[in-house]
Amino acid sequence: MVQEADLILVMEVFQQQRLMKEYPAASGKVMLLGKWLDNLEINDPYRKSSEAFALVFKQIESACKLWSDKLGGK
């Protein structure tokens, strides 16, 4: 899947580093989802409050919108 992907979006830097280490040829296509939000890391809200989930949802939504805009989406 890594070889076939054009872009791989991850939420946290450790995920990006792990993929780049395991698949060095794919390093150029592994990016943070929060890249266009000042390289924001979007942390997993597991076992956190509903407010934390709401914040993460907004971060994901904003990041996806920016990626869509950058990639020519509508």
Protein backbone atom coordinates (compact mmCIF):
# COMPACT_ATOMS: atom_id res chain seq x y z
CA MET A 1 0.00 0.00 0.00
CA VAL A 2 2.84 2.39 0.82
CA GLN A 3 4.36 1.99 -2.64
CA GLU A 4 1.02 2.53 -4.38
CA ALA A 5 0.04 5.61 -2.38
CA ASP A 6 0.60 9.08 -3.80
CA LEU A 7 0.32 10.72 -0.37
CA ILE A 8 0.33 9.33 3.15
CA LEU A 9 -1.07 11.60 5.86
CA VAL A 10 -0.29 10.93 9.50
CA MET A 11 -1.43 12.66 12.65
CA GLU A 12 1.75 12.71 14.73
CA VAL A 13 5.47 13.14 14.05
CA PHE A 14 6.35 9.75 15.54
CA GLN A 15 4.09 8.09 12.96
CA GLN A 16 5.78 10.04 10.18
CA GLN A 17 9.25 9.11 11.43
CA ARG A 18 8.33 5.44 11.79
CA LEU A 19 6.96 5.20 8.26
CA MET A 20 9.94 7.05 6.83
CA LYS A 21 12.30 4.68 8.66
CA GLU A 22 10.45 1.55 7.54
CA TYR A 23 9.89 2.81 3.98
CA PRO A 24 12.71 5.24 3.11
CA ALA A 25 11.68 5.37 -0.55
CA ALA A 26 8.32 6.78 0.52
CA SER A 27 9.77 9.57 2.68
CA GLY A 28 8.76 12.29 0.25
CA LYS A 29 5.09 11.37 0.39
CA VAL A 30 4.65 10.95 4.15
CA MET A 31 3.26 14.20 5.54
CA LEU A 32 1.56 15.47 8.66
CA LEU A 33 -2.16 15.97 8.29
CA GLY A 34 -1.61 19.25 10.15
CA LYS A 35 1.13 20.45 7.77
CA TRP A 36 -0.85 23.49 6.64
CA LEU A 37 -1.73 24.32 10.26
CA ASP A 38 1.90 25.15 11.15
CA ASN A 39 2.86 21.46 11.23
CA LEU A 40 0.31 20.78 13.93
CA GLU A 41 0.42 17.34 15.50
CA ILE A 42 -3.10 16.04 16.02
CA ASN A 43 -3.04 13.92 19.14
CA ASP A 44 -5.27 10.91 19.70
CA PRO A 45 -8.10 11.86 22.09
CA TYR A 46 -8.55 8.28 23.29
CA ARG A 47 -9.72 8.20 26.93
CA LYS A 48 -10.06 11.97 27.01
CA SER A 49 -13.03 14.25 27.47
CA SER A 50 -15.70 14.96 24.89
CA GLU A 51 -14.19 18.45 24.61
CA ALA A 52 -10.88 16.87 23.58
CA PHE A 53 -12.70 14.83 20.92
CA ALA A 54 -14.44 17.97 19.67
CA LEU A 55 -11.12 19.82 19.42
CA VAL A 56 -9.48 16.95 17.53
CA PHE A 57 -12.48 16.77 15.19
CA LYS A 58 -12.11 20.49 14.40
CA GLN A 59 -8.37 20.07 13.83
CA ILE A 60 -8.93 17.14 11.47
CA GLU A 61 -11.71 18.97 9.65
CA SER A 62 -9.57 22.10 9.19
CA ALA A 63 -6.53 20.12 8.11
CA CYS A 64 -8.51 18.09 5.57
CA LYS A 65 -10.04 21.24 4.12
CA LEU A 66 -6.60 22.79 3.68
CA TRP A 67 -5.19 19.64 2.08
CA SER A 68 -8.18 19.52 -0.26
CA ASP A 69 -7.60 23.15 -1.23
CA LYS A 70 -3.89 22.56 -1.82
CA LEU A 71 -4.59 19.46 -3.90
CA GLY A 72 -7.14 21.28 -6.05
CA GLY A 73 -10.29 19.91 -4.43
CA LYS A 74 -13.57 21.73 -4.20
